[in-house]
Amino acid sequence: MGILQTFWGYRGFILGSVQREFQANYKNSLLGAAWTVIRPLVMIIVYTVVFSQIMRSKLPGVESEFAYSIYLCAGVLTWSFFTEAVTRGQNVFIENANLLKKINFPRMCLPIIALTNALVNFVIIFALFTVFLLVTGAFPGKIFLALIPVLAIQVLLSAGLGLTLGVLNVFFRDVGQLSAIVLQFWFWATPIVYPINILPPFFQQLLSHNPMTHLMAAYQQILVNGQRPDWLSLWPITLIAVVLCITGARLFSKHAGEMVDEL
């Protein structure tokens, strides 16, 4: 409760920082914040045209001509949010070293600001994707609300992993470089651009131990098939997310003073 009260007390600082970074990204741009809409819109259009109209890609067992485009967007958009949140989290203390040294404020606000910035970008992009679902008649209906707990698990995982890596990255700068490589391998080891059921049984079994496989499958099940995800399969990744949050918080609490000296 103490942490939540601290965040609430500094809500103006957090929201103001999020707003300033959002505006700074498009400060000298002619189209300004419109680029936030243009980039994901172009991506969605390209995926739809290339995979559904040109390549005629199909998902096994799904008849909709937009099924593979939706499958791909569901995975790529949510993975992009995960990657952005983790990357921002692991660099947040290093990038704000001067702020940490000059201003007295709760240091834990910085990871919250980083996560919120990533979440704002994701909400804008996913809102456009939702419009695409409505326009193409592929909106899954009420089951769409099942995305809320799935996203909550992903936010928790992103926060915990980002904070843990952020503290470690202050003392061991190789952490940032290594995590970028791991995230690239992790992406291809997760059924995002390919359905898991096209793989041989051995690889299906192997990828089932990847916790992100089940998280991505939950998004895909809701958005492509319009069905509830297998909630039981999400318990391992939820547990991992909680453990990472606790680990990150303890690391930060133990080394917060040393971090300023190290920076």
C-alpha atoms as a PDB file:
ATOM      1  CA  MET A   1       0.000   0.000   0.000  1.00  0.00           C
ATOM      2  CA  GLY A   2       2.891   2.346   0.734  1.00  0.00           C
ATOM      3  CA  ILE A   3       4.190   2.035  -2.821  1.00  0.00           C
ATOM      4  CA  LEU A   4       0.738   2.675  -4.280  1.00  0.00           C
ATOM      5  CA  GLN A   5       0.318   5.755  -2.095  1.00  0.00           C
ATOM      6  CA  THR A   6       3.709   7.012  -3.284  1.00  0.00           C
ATOM      7  CA  PHE A   7       2.716   6.540  -6.923  1.00  0.00           C
ATOM      8  CA  TRP A   8      -0.581   8.307  -6.301  1.00  0.00           C
ATOM      9  CA  GLY A   9       1.178  11.173  -4.559  1.00  0.00           C
ATOM     10  CA  TYR A  10       3.515  11.581  -7.547  1.00  0.00           C
ATOM     11  CA  ARG A  11       0.857  10.932 -10.195  1.00  0.00           C
ATOM     12  CA  GLY A  12       1.339  14.442 -11.599  1.00  0.00           C
ATOM     13  CA  PHE A  13       5.046  13.828 -12.073  1.00  0.00           C
ATOM     14  CA  ILE A  14       4.413  10.429 -13.690  1.00  0.00           C
ATOM     15  CA  LEU A  15       1.679  11.601 -16.063  1.00  0.00           C
ATOM     16  CA  GLY A  16       3.574  14.780 -16.907  1.00  0.00           C
ATOM     17  CA  SER A  17       6.690  12.777 -17.760  1.00  0.00           C
ATOM     18  CA  VAL A  18       4.675  10.436 -19.994  1.00  0.00           C
ATOM     19  CA  GLN A  19       3.093  13.393 -21.780  1.00  0.00           C
ATOM     20  CA  ARG A  20       6.426  15.179 -22.274  1.00  0.00           C
ATOM     21  CA  GLU A  21       8.085  12.099 -23.775  1.00  0.00           C
ATOM     22  CA  PHE A  22       5.137  11.489 -26.090  1.00  0.00           C
ATOM     23  CA  GLN A  23       5.269  15.082 -27.322  1.00  0.00           C
ATOM     24  CA  ALA A  24       9.074  15.086 -27.584  1.00  0.00           C
ATOM     25  CA  ASN A  25       8.993  12.111 -29.967  1.00  0.00           C
ATOM     26  CA  TYR A  26       7.149  14.224 -32.565  1.00  0.00           C
ATOM     27  CA  LYS A  27       8.336  17.726 -31.650  1.00  0.00           C
ATOM     28  CA  ASN A  28      10.032  18.571 -34.971  1.00  0.00           C
ATOM     29  CA  SER A  29       7.776  16.460 -37.163  1.00  0.00           C
ATOM     30  CA  LEU A  30       5.357  18.007 -39.679  1.00  0.00           C
ATOM     31  CA  LEU A  31       2.695  15.391 -38.988  1.00  0.00           C
ATOM     32  CA  GLY A  32       3.413  15.253 -35.271  1.00  0.00           C
ATOM     33  CA  ALA A  33       1.555  12.602 -33.281  1.00  0.00           C
ATOM     34  CA  ALA A  34      -0.191  11.460 -36.470  1.00  0.00           C
ATOM     35  CA  TRP A  35       2.824   9.197 -37.015  1.00  0.00           C
ATOM     36  CA  THR A  36       1.644   7.177 -34.018  1.00  0.00           C
ATOM     37  CA  VAL A  37      -1.389   6.270 -36.111  1.00  0.00           C
ATOM     38  CA  ILE A  38       0.230   6.137 -39.554  1.00  0.00           C
ATOM     39  CA  ARG A  39       2.953   3.580 -38.783  1.00  0.00           C
ATOM     40  CA  PRO A  40       0.736   0.845 -37.286  1.00  0.00           C
ATOM     41  CA  LEU A  41      -1.990   1.531 -39.843  1.00  0.00           C
ATOM     42  CA  VAL A  42       0.475   0.960 -42.683  1.00  0.00           C
ATOM     43  CA  MET A  43       1.707  -2.214 -41.013  1.00  0.00           C
ATOM     44  CA  ILE A  44      -1.817  -3.606 -40.658  1.00  0.00           C
ATOM     45  CA  ILE A  45      -2.632  -2.748 -44.284  1.00  0.00           C
ATOM     46  CA  VAL A  46       0.596  -4.354 -45.529  1.00  0.00           C
ATOM     47  CA  TYR A  47      -0.007  -7.540 -43.546  1.00  0.00           C
ATOM     48  CA  THR A  48      -3.573  -7.714 -44.833  1.00  0.00           C
ATOM     49  CA  VAL A  49      -2.737  -7.074 -48.483  1.00  0.00           C
ATOM     50  CA  VAL A  50       0.370  -9.251 -48.616  1.00  0.00           C
ATOM     51  CA  PHE A  51      -0.799 -12.251 -46.643  1.00  0.00           C
ATOM     52  CA  SER A  52      -4.531 -12.356 -47.371  1.00  0.00           C
ATOM     53  CA  GLN A  53      -4.703 -10.971 -50.902  1.00  0.00           C
ATOM     54  CA  ILE A  54      -1.328 -11.697 -52.541  1.00  0.00           C
ATOM     55  CA  MET A  55       0.053 -14.767 -50.773  1.00  0.00           C
ATOM     56  CA  ARG A  56      -3.420 -16.091 -49.900  1.00  0.00           C
ATOM     57  CA  SER A  57      -2.043 -17.391 -46.618  1.00  0.00           C
ATOM     58  CA  LYS A  58      -4.469 -19.526 -44.655  1.00  0.00           C
ATOM     59  CA  LEU A  59      -4.586 -20.811 -41.121  1.00  0.00           C
ATOM     60  CA  PRO A  60      -5.272 -24.537 -40.780  1.00  0.00           C
ATOM     61  CA  GLY A  61      -8.909 -25.039 -39.815  1.00  0.00           C
ATOM     62  CA  VAL A  62      -9.904 -21.359 -40.228  1.00  0.00           C
ATOM     63  CA  GLU A  63     -11.788 -20.275 -43.352  1.00  0.00           C
ATOM     64  CA  SER A  64     -11.672 -16.471 -43.043  1.00  0.00           C
ATOM     65  CA  GLU A  65      -9.476 -14.801 -45.659  1.00  0.00           C
ATOM     66  CA  PHE A  66      -8.224 -12.363 -43.009  1.00  0.00           C
ATOM     67  CA  ALA A  67      -7.481 -15.063 -40.427  1.00  0.00           C
ATOM     68  CA  TYR A  68      -3.720 -15.187 -40.951  1.00  0.00           C
ATOM     69  CA  SER A  69      -3.435 -11.376 -41.031  1.00  0.00           C
ATOM     70  CA  ILE A  70      -5.309 -11.196 -37.740  1.00  0.00           C
ATOM     71  CA  TYR A  71      -3.211 -14.030 -36.310  1.00  0.00           C
ATOM     72  CA  LEU A  72      -0.020 -12.231 -37.298  1.00  0.00           C
ATOM     73  CA  CYS A  73      -1.128  -8.822 -35.995  1.00  0.00           C
ATOM     74  CA  ALA A  74      -2.351 -10.338 -32.713  1.00  0.00           C
ATOM     75  CA  GLY A  75       1.100 -11.774 -32.086  1.00  0.00           C
ATOM     76  CA  VAL A  76       3.317  -9.057 -33.529  1.00  0.00           C
ATOM     77  CA  LEU A  77       1.519  -6.113 -31.897  1.00  0.00           C
ATOM     78  CA  THR A  78       1.434  -7.671 -28.435  1.00  0.00           C
ATOM     79  CA  TRP A  79       5.026  -8.915 -28.708  1.00  0.00           C
ATOM     80  CA  SER A  80       6.140  -5.430 -29.794  1.00  0.00           C
ATOM     81  CA  PHE A  81       4.580  -4.017 -26.634  1.00  0.00           C
ATOM     82  CA  PHE A  82       6.384  -6.622 -24.536  1.00  0.00           C
ATOM     83  CA  THR A  83       9.712  -5.870 -26.214  1.00  0.00           C
ATOM     84  CA  GLU A  84       9.300  -2.103 -25.914  1.00  0.00           C
ATOM     85  CA  ALA A  85       8.297  -2.288 -22.251  1.00  0.00           C
ATOM     86  CA  VAL A  86      11.204  -4.568 -21.326  1.00  0.00           C
ATOM     87  CA  THR A  87      13.738  -2.524 -23.327  1.00  0.00           C
ATOM     88  CA  ARG A  88      12.557   0.745 -21.806  1.00  0.00           C
ATOM     89  CA  GLY A  89      12.662  -0.822 -18.348  1.00  0.00           C
ATOM     90  CA  GLN A  90      16.196  -2.158 -18.671  1.00  0.00           C
ATOM     91  CA  ASN A  91      17.525   1.232 -19.840  1.00  0.00           C
ATOM     92  CA  VAL A  92      15.443   3.553 -17.691  1.00  0.00           C
ATOM     93  CA  PHE A  93      17.959   4.109 -14.874  1.00  0.00           C
ATOM     94  CA  ILE A  94      20.918   4.582 -17.214  1.00  0.00           C
ATOM     95  CA  GLU A  95      19.030   6.996 -19.473  1.00  0.00           C
ATOM     96  CA  ASN A  96      17.864   9.044 -16.463  1.00  0.00           C
ATOM     97  CA  ALA A  97      21.195   9.073 -14.616  1.00  0.00           C
ATOM     98  CA  ASN A  98      21.330  12.868 -14.455  1.00  0.00           C
ATOM     99  CA  LEU A  99      17.789  13.052 -13.121  1.00  0.00           C
ATOM    100  CA  LEU A 100      18.590  10.497 -10.422  1.00  0.00           C
ATOM    101  CA  LYS A 101      21.594  12.521  -9.279  1.00  0.00           C
ATOM    102  CA  LYS A 102      19.981  15.961  -9.266  1.00  0.00           C
ATOM    103  CA  ILE A 103      16.364  15.549  -8.157  1.00  0.00           C
ATOM    104  CA  ASN A 104      14.994  13.891  -5.040  1.00  0.00           C
ATOM    105  CA  PHE A 105      11.931  11.799  -5.919  1.00  0.00           C
ATOM    106  CA  PRO A 106      10.849   8.151  -5.548  1.00  0.00           C
ATOM    107  CA  ARG A 107      13.144   6.320  -7.978  1.00  0.00           C
ATOM    108  CA  MET A 108      10.515   3.647  -8.579  1.00  0.00           C
ATOM    109  CA  CYS A 109       8.518   6.227 -10.532  1.00  0.00           C
ATOM    110  CA  LEU A 110      10.948   5.852 -13.443  1.00  0.00           C
ATOM    111  CA  PRO A 111      10.061   2.215 -14.302  1.00  0.00           C
ATOM    112  CA  ILE A 112       6.373   3.139 -14.032  1.00  0.00           C
ATOM    113  CA  ILE A 113       6.879   6.010 -16.476  1.00  0.00           C
ATOM    114  CA  ALA A 114       8.733   3.719 -18.906  1.00  0.00           C
ATOM    115  CA  LEU A 115       6.016   1.063 -18.714  1.00  0.00           C
ATOM    116  CA  THR A 116       3.238   3.630 -19.105  1.00  0.00           C
ATOM    117  CA  ASN A 117       4.869   5.107 -22.214  1.00  0.00           C
ATOM    118  CA  ALA A 118       5.034   1.666 -23.809  1.00  0.00           C
ATOM    119  CA  LEU A 119       1.431   0.974 -22.794  1.00  0.00           C
ATOM    120  CA  VAL A 120       0.184   4.256 -24.307  1.00  0.00           C
ATOM    121  CA  ASN A 121       1.821   3.392 -27.632  1.00  0.00           C
ATOM    122  CA  PHE A 122       0.310  -0.090 -27.523  1.00  0.00           C
ATOM    123  CA  VAL A 123      -3.206   1.158 -26.740  1.00  0.00           C
ATOM    124  CA  ILE A 124      -3.118   3.524 -29.733  1.00  0.00           C
ATOM    125  CA  ILE A 125      -1.885   0.794 -32.074  1.00  0.00           C
ATOM    126  CA  PHE A 126      -4.293  -1.832 -30.741  1.00  0.00           C
ATOM    127  CA  ALA A 127      -7.216   0.583 -31.045  1.00  0.00           C
ATOM    128  CA  LEU A 128      -6.474   0.820 -34.770  1.00  0.00           C
ATOM    129  CA  PHE A 129      -6.292  -2.958 -34.978  1.00  0.00           C
ATOM    130  CA  THR A 130      -9.695  -3.145 -33.273  1.00  0.00           C
ATOM    131  CA  VAL A 131     -11.120  -0.795 -35.901  1.00  0.00           C
ATOM    132  CA  PHE A 132      -9.686  -3.119 -38.556  1.00  0.00           C
ATOM    133  CA  LEU A 133     -11.478  -6.060 -36.923  1.00  0.00           C
ATOM    134  CA  LEU A 134     -14.750  -4.146 -36.943  1.00  0.00           C
ATOM    135  CA  VAL A 135     -14.397  -3.043 -40.570  1.00  0.00           C
ATOM    136  CA  THR A 136     -13.585  -6.552 -41.809  1.00  0.00           C
ATOM    137  CA  GLY A 137     -16.364  -8.154 -39.774  1.00  0.00           C
ATOM    138  CA  ALA A 138     -13.856 -10.178 -37.767  1.00  0.00           C
ATOM    139  CA  PHE A 139     -14.553  -8.598 -34.369  1.00  0.00           C
ATOM    140  CA  PRO A 140     -14.912 -11.500 -31.894  1.00  0.00           C
ATOM    141  CA  GLY A 141     -17.755  -9.972 -29.852  1.00  0.00           C
ATOM    142  CA  LYS A 142     -18.032 -10.062 -26.061  1.00  0.00           C
ATOM    143  CA  ILE A 143     -15.124 -12.455 -25.750  1.00  0.00           C
ATOM    144  CA  PHE A 144     -12.961  -9.456 -26.700  1.00  0.00           C
ATOM    145  CA  LEU A 145     -13.137  -8.449 -23.015  1.00  0.00           C
ATOM    146  CA  ALA A 146     -11.120 -11.557 -22.163  1.00  0.00           C
ATOM    147  CA  LEU A 147      -8.123  -9.617 -23.480  1.00  0.00           C
ATOM    148  CA  ILE A 148      -8.108  -7.524 -20.291  1.00  0.00           C
ATOM    149  CA  PRO A 149      -6.771 -10.235 -17.915  1.00  0.00           C
ATOM    150  CA  VAL A 150      -4.403 -11.507 -20.627  1.00  0.00           C
ATOM    151  CA  LEU A 151      -2.990  -8.002 -21.088  1.00  0.00           C
ATOM    152  CA  ALA A 152      -2.770  -7.586 -17.302  1.00  0.00           C
ATOM    153  CA  ILE A 153      -0.556 -10.685 -17.118  1.00  0.00           C
ATOM    154  CA  GLN A 154       1.655  -9.313 -19.879  1.00  0.00           C
ATOM    155  CA  VAL A 155       1.944  -5.908 -18.192  1.00  0.00           C
ATOM    156  CA  LEU A 156       2.940  -7.627 -14.944  1.00  0.00           C
ATOM    157  CA  LEU A 157       5.528  -9.749 -16.749  1.00  0.00           C
ATOM    158  CA  SER A 158       6.925  -6.749 -18.638  1.00  0.00           C
ATOM    159  CA  ALA A 159       7.159  -4.682 -15.454  1.00  0.00           C
ATOM    160  CA  GLY A 160       8.899  -7.423 -13.479  1.00  0.00           C
ATOM    161  CA  LEU A 161      11.370  -8.357 -16.205  1.00  0.00           C
ATOM    162  CA  GLY A 162      12.073  -4.731 -17.126  1.00  0.00           C
ATOM    163  CA  LEU A 163      12.718  -3.708 -13.507  1.00  0.00           C
ATOM    164  CA  THR A 164      14.948  -6.719 -12.818  1.00  0.00           C
ATOM    165  CA  LEU A 165      17.016  -6.121 -15.956  1.00  0.00           C
ATOM    166  CA  GLY A 166      17.054  -2.378 -15.280  1.00  0.00           C
ATOM    167  CA  VAL A 167      18.753  -2.805 -11.910  1.00  0.00           C
ATOM    168  CA  LEU A 168      21.197  -5.426 -13.206  1.00  0.00           C
ATOM    169  CA  ASN A 169      22.011  -3.298 -16.257  1.00  0.00           C
ATOM    170  CA  VAL A 170      23.313  -0.492 -14.031  1.00  0.00           C
ATOM    171  CA  PHE A 171      26.016  -2.761 -12.614  1.00  0.00           C
ATOM    172  CA  PHE A 172      26.557  -5.084 -15.580  1.00  0.00           C
ATOM    173  CA  ARG A 173      26.176  -3.209 -18.870  1.00  0.00           C
ATOM    174  CA  ASP A 174      26.348  -6.456 -20.876  1.00  0.00           C
ATOM    175  CA  VAL A 175      22.841  -7.227 -19.613  1.00  0.00           C
ATOM    176  CA  GLY A 176      21.290  -4.798 -22.093  1.00  0.00           C
ATOM    177  CA  GLN A 177      23.178  -6.248 -25.040  1.00  0.00           C
ATOM    178  CA  LEU A 178      22.458  -9.833 -24.034  1.00  0.00           C
ATOM    179  CA  SER A 179      18.749  -9.248 -23.458  1.00  0.00           C
ATOM    180  CA  ALA A 180      18.366  -7.801 -26.970  1.00  0.00           C
ATOM    181  CA  ILE A 181      19.778 -11.016 -28.426  1.00  0.00           C
ATOM    182  CA  VAL A 182      17.641 -13.194 -26.153  1.00  0.00           C
ATOM    183  CA  LEU A 183      14.489 -11.305 -27.143  1.00  0.00           C
ATOM    184  CA  GLN A 184      15.227 -11.931 -30.823  1.00  0.00           C
ATOM    185  CA  PHE A 185      15.617 -15.671 -30.275  1.00  0.00           C
ATOM    186  CA  TRP A 186      12.610 -15.680 -27.958  1.00  0.00           C
ATOM    187  CA  PHE A 187      10.453 -14.106 -30.673  1.00  0.00           C
ATOM    188  CA  TRP A 188      11.195 -16.884 -33.161  1.00  0.00           C
ATOM    189  CA  ALA A 189      10.815 -19.529 -30.455  1.00  0.00           C
ATOM    190  CA  THR A 190       7.255 -18.293 -29.915  1.00  0.00           C
ATOM    191  CA  PRO A 191       4.444 -19.185 -32.391  1.00  0.00           C
ATOM    192  CA  ILE A 192       3.775 -15.667 -33.673  1.00  0.00           C
ATOM    193  CA  VAL A 193       4.447 -15.772 -37.408  1.00  0.00           C
ATOM    194  CA  TYR A 194       3.693 -19.503 -37.664  1.00  0.00           C
ATOM    195  CA  PRO A 195       0.969 -21.700 -36.088  1.00  0.00           C
ATOM    196  CA  ILE A 196       2.327 -24.214 -33.614  1.00  0.00           C
ATOM    197  CA  ASN A 197       0.246 -27.033 -35.113  1.00  0.00           C
ATOM    198  CA  ILE A 198       2.274 -27.021 -38.352  1.00  0.00           C
ATOM    199  CA  LEU A 199       5.394 -28.088 -36.444  1.00  0.00           C
ATOM    200  CA  PRO A 200       6.457 -31.697 -35.821  1.00  0.00           C
ATOM    201  CA  PRO A 201       5.236 -33.098 -32.462  1.00  0.00           C
ATOM    202  CA  PHE A 202       8.721 -32.863 -30.915  1.00  0.00           C
ATOM    203  CA  PHE A 203       8.950 -29.112 -31.523  1.00  0.00           C
ATOM    204  CA  GLN A 204       5.348 -28.569 -30.409  1.00  0.00           C
ATOM    205  CA  GLN A 205       6.232 -30.247 -27.123  1.00  0.00           C
ATOM    206  CA  LEU A 206       9.426 -28.209 -26.849  1.00  0.00           C
ATOM    207  CA  LEU A 207       7.687 -24.862 -27.477  1.00  0.00           C
ATOM    208  CA  SER A 208       4.957 -25.720 -24.980  1.00  0.00           C
ATOM    209  CA  HIS A 209       7.569 -25.085 -22.260  1.00  0.00           C
ATOM    210  CA  ASN A 210       7.961 -21.506 -23.492  1.00  0.00           C
ATOM    211  CA  PRO A 211       5.644 -19.426 -21.243  1.00  0.00           C
ATOM    212  CA  MET A 212       5.138 -16.821 -23.992  1.00  0.00           C
ATOM    213  CA  THR A 213       3.702 -19.539 -26.252  1.00  0.00           C
ATOM    214  CA  HIS A 214       0.641 -19.744 -24.039  1.00  0.00           C
ATOM    215  CA  LEU A 215       0.306 -15.969 -23.664  1.00  0.00           C
ATOM    216  CA  MET A 216       0.419 -15.416 -27.434  1.00  0.00           C
ATOM    217  CA  ALA A 217      -1.959 -18.356 -27.914  1.00  0.00           C
ATOM    218  CA  ALA A 218      -4.425 -16.639 -25.581  1.00  0.00           C
ATOM    219  CA  TYR A 219      -4.431 -13.487 -27.729  1.00  0.00           C
ATOM    220  CA  GLN A 220      -4.730 -15.538 -30.912  1.00  0.00           C
ATOM    221  CA  GLN A 221      -7.517 -17.705 -29.531  1.00  0.00           C
ATOM    222  CA  ILE A 222      -9.594 -14.650 -28.623  1.00  0.00           C
ATOM    223  CA  LEU A 223      -8.934 -12.577 -31.732  1.00  0.00           C
ATOM    224  CA  VAL A 224      -8.799 -15.288 -34.414  1.00  0.00           C
ATOM    225  CA  ASN A 225     -11.189 -17.934 -33.133  1.00  0.00           C
ATOM    226  CA  GLY A 226     -13.411 -15.773 -30.916  1.00  0.00           C
ATOM    227  CA  GLN A 227     -13.028 -18.275 -28.071  1.00  0.00           C
ATOM    228  CA  ARG A 228     -11.938 -18.129 -24.463  1.00  0.00           C
ATOM    229  CA  PRO A 229      -8.265 -18.939 -23.916  1.00  0.00           C
ATOM    230  CA  ASP A 230      -7.070 -21.851 -21.848  1.00  0.00           C
ATOM    231  CA  TRP A 231      -6.848 -19.993 -18.553  1.00  0.00           C
ATOM    232  CA  LEU A 232      -5.119 -22.911 -16.840  1.00  0.00           C
ATOM    233  CA  SER A 233      -2.193 -22.671 -19.289  1.00  0.00           C
ATOM    234  CA  LEU A 234      -1.611 -19.052 -18.196  1.00  0.00           C
ATOM    235  CA  TRP A 235      -0.882 -19.885 -14.557  1.00  0.00           C
ATOM    236  CA  PRO A 236       2.851 -20.613 -15.105  1.00  0.00           C
ATOM    237  CA  ILE A 237       3.511 -17.282 -16.834  1.00  0.00           C
ATOM    238  CA  THR A 238       1.442 -15.462 -14.200  1.00  0.00           C
ATOM    239  CA  LEU A 239       3.580 -17.031 -11.480  1.00  0.00           C
ATOM    240  CA  ILE A 240       6.754 -16.097 -13.365  1.00  0.00           C
ATOM    241  CA  ALA A 241       5.498 -12.504 -13.679  1.00  0.00           C
ATOM    242  CA  VAL A 242       4.804 -12.241  -9.943  1.00  0.00           C
ATOM    243  CA  VAL A 243       8.203 -13.719  -9.059  1.00  0.00           C
ATOM    244  CA  LEU A 244       9.965 -11.279 -11.411  1.00  0.00           C
ATOM    245  CA  CYS A 245       8.100  -8.315  -9.901  1.00  0.00           C
ATOM    246  CA  ILE A 246       9.092  -9.371  -6.383  1.00  0.00           C
ATOM    247  CA  THR A 247      12.683 -10.029  -7.482  1.00  0.00           C
ATOM    248  CA  GLY A 248      12.936  -6.683  -9.262  1.00  0.00           C
ATOM    249  CA  ALA A 249      11.462  -4.795  -6.308  1.00  0.00           C
ATOM    250  CA  ARG A 250      13.879  -6.450  -3.869  1.00  0.00           C
ATOM    251  CA  LEU A 251      16.882  -5.813  -6.098  1.00  0.00           C
ATOM    252  CA  PHE A 252      15.876  -2.180  -6.432  1.00  0.00           C
ATOM    253  CA  SER A 253      15.265  -1.764  -2.707  1.00  0.00           C
ATOM    254  CA  LYS A 254      18.629  -3.333  -1.856  1.00  0.00           C
ATOM    255  CA  HIS A 255      20.738  -1.493  -4.439  1.00  0.00           C
ATOM    256  CA  ALA A 256      18.937   1.836  -4.921  1.00  0.00           C
ATOM    257  CA  GLY A 257      21.637   3.780  -3.075  1.00  0.00           C
ATOM    258  CA  GLU A 258      24.476   2.025  -4.878  1.00  0.00           C
ATOM    259  CA  MET A 259      22.857   2.641  -8.252  1.00  0.00           C
ATOM    260  CA  VAL A 260      23.263   6.406  -7.985  1.00  0.00           C
ATOM    261  CA  ASP A 261      26.975   6.011  -7.191  1.00  0.00           C
ATOM    262  CA  GLU A 262      27.432   3.530 -10.041  1.00  0.00           C
ATOM    263  CA  LEU A 263      25.745   5.854 -12.531  1.00  0.00           C
END
